[in-house]
Amino acid sequence: MNRYEIRVAERLDPRRAHALGCEELRLLQGGGSLLLFAAADQSALYGLLARLRNAGIELVAVHRIVALAEKGNGSARTDISPTEVPGVTR
């Protein structure tokens, strides 16, 4: 299962983050929110991105959190540009 950090432009409340299927919500200083999402596969990730789009929530960034076993010496993030995700526009 892959984990992702998804940054959005607006501040979400915990109920909305939970309704979107996110594990954790972090409110960022200066506005915006960071959502932590565990995706069983790519279709689950695309489903969340579609729900964000349909709700009119602006996507800022998506980062895949690489597991320790994959990286070998610690965790890391892999950046995914919103322009690389089908159906997501900026």
Protein backbone atom coordinates (compact mmCIF):
# COMPACT_ATOMS: atom_id res chain seq x y z
CA MET A 1 0.00 0.00 0.00
CA ASN A 2 1.39 3.40 -0.96
CA ARG A 3 1.05 6.47 1.22
CA TYR A 4 0.74 9.98 -0.14
CA GLU A 5 0.94 13.54 1.19
CA ILE A 6 -1.53 15.67 -0.71
CA ARG A 7 -1.39 19.43 -0.30
CA VAL A 8 -4.46 21.50 -1.14
CA ALA A 9 -4.91 25.28 -1.23
CA GLU A 10 -7.79 25.56 1.22
CA ARG A 11 -8.15 24.69 4.88
CA LEU A 12 -10.30 21.60 5.26
CA ASP A 13 -12.12 20.55 8.39
CA PRO A 14 -11.54 17.07 9.85
CA ARG A 15 -15.01 15.83 8.84
CA ARG A 16 -14.39 16.68 5.20
CA ALA A 17 -10.94 15.05 5.23
CA HIS A 18 -12.46 11.92 6.76
CA ALA A 19 -15.26 11.91 4.16
CA LEU A 20 -12.58 12.04 1.44
CA GLY A 21 -10.99 8.91 2.93
CA CYS A 22 -7.85 10.53 4.34
CA GLU A 23 -6.04 9.10 7.36
CA GLU A 24 -4.80 12.40 8.74
CA LEU A 25 -5.25 16.13 8.24
CA ARG A 26 -2.63 18.77 9.00
CA LEU A 27 -3.54 22.44 8.75
CA LEU A 28 -0.68 24.51 7.38
CA GLN A 29 0.39 27.94 8.55
CA GLY A 30 -0.66 30.58 6.08
CA GLY A 31 -3.60 28.48 4.84
CA GLY A 32 -3.92 25.20 3.05
CA SER A 33 -4.06 21.63 4.28
CA LEU A 34 -1.90 18.55 4.06
CA LEU A 35 -3.81 15.29 3.71
CA LEU A 36 -2.26 11.89 4.39
CA PHE A 37 -3.79 9.16 2.26
CA ALA A 38 -3.09 5.44 1.99
CA ALA A 39 -3.92 4.05 -1.45
CA ALA A 40 -4.28 0.34 -2.12
CA ASP A 41 -3.57 1.03 -5.79
CA GLN A 42 -3.42 3.84 -8.34
CA SER A 43 -7.15 3.77 -8.94
CA ALA A 44 -7.71 4.64 -5.25
CA LEU A 45 -5.35 7.62 -5.60
CA TYR A 46 -7.05 8.78 -8.80
CA GLY A 47 -10.42 8.38 -7.05
CA LEU A 48 -9.32 10.75 -4.27
CA LEU A 49 -7.94 13.24 -6.80
CA ALA A 50 -11.25 13.12 -8.68
CA ARG A 51 -13.20 13.72 -5.44
CA LEU A 52 -10.98 16.74 -4.71
CA ARG A 53 -11.55 18.07 -8.23
CA ASN A 54 -15.31 17.51 -8.04
CA ALA A 55 -15.45 19.37 -4.72
CA GLY A 56 -13.61 22.32 -6.27
CA ILE A 57 -10.59 21.89 -3.98
CA GLU A 58 -7.41 23.19 -5.61
CA LEU A 59 -4.60 20.64 -5.68
CA VAL A 60 -1.17 22.10 -4.91
CA ALA A 61 1.09 19.02 -4.74
CA VAL A 62 1.13 15.24 -4.38
CA HIS A 63 4.08 13.44 -2.79
CA ARG A 64 4.45 9.68 -2.57
CA ILE A 65 6.00 8.58 0.70
CA VAL A 66 8.50 5.82 -0.07
CA ALA A 67 8.57 3.04 2.52
CA LEU A 68 11.79 2.17 4.36
CA ALA A 69 12.04 -1.21 2.60
CA GLU A 70 11.88 0.46 -0.83
CA LYS A 71 14.38 3.19 -0.04
CA GLY A 72 16.81 1.06 1.94
CA ASN A 73 18.11 3.75 4.31
CA GLY A 74 15.13 5.86 5.37
CA SER A 75 11.88 7.28 4.15
CA ALA A 76 11.67 9.77 1.31
CA ARG A 77 9.07 11.54 -0.79
CA THR A 78 8.63 11.26 -4.51
CA ASP A 79 7.11 14.39 -6.03
CA ILE A 80 4.29 14.04 -8.51
CA SER A 81 3.35 17.16 -10.44
CA PRO A 82 -0.40 17.88 -10.70
CA THR A 83 0.15 18.21 -14.45
CA GLU A 84 1.21 14.53 -14.57
CA VAL A 85 -2.05 13.31 -13.04
CA PRO A 86 -4.80 12.67 -15.60
CA GLY A 87 -7.91 14.77 -15.05
CA VAL A 88 -6.23 17.21 -12.66
CA THR A 89 -5.65 20.73 -13.88
CA ARG A 90 -4.12 23.74 -12.23
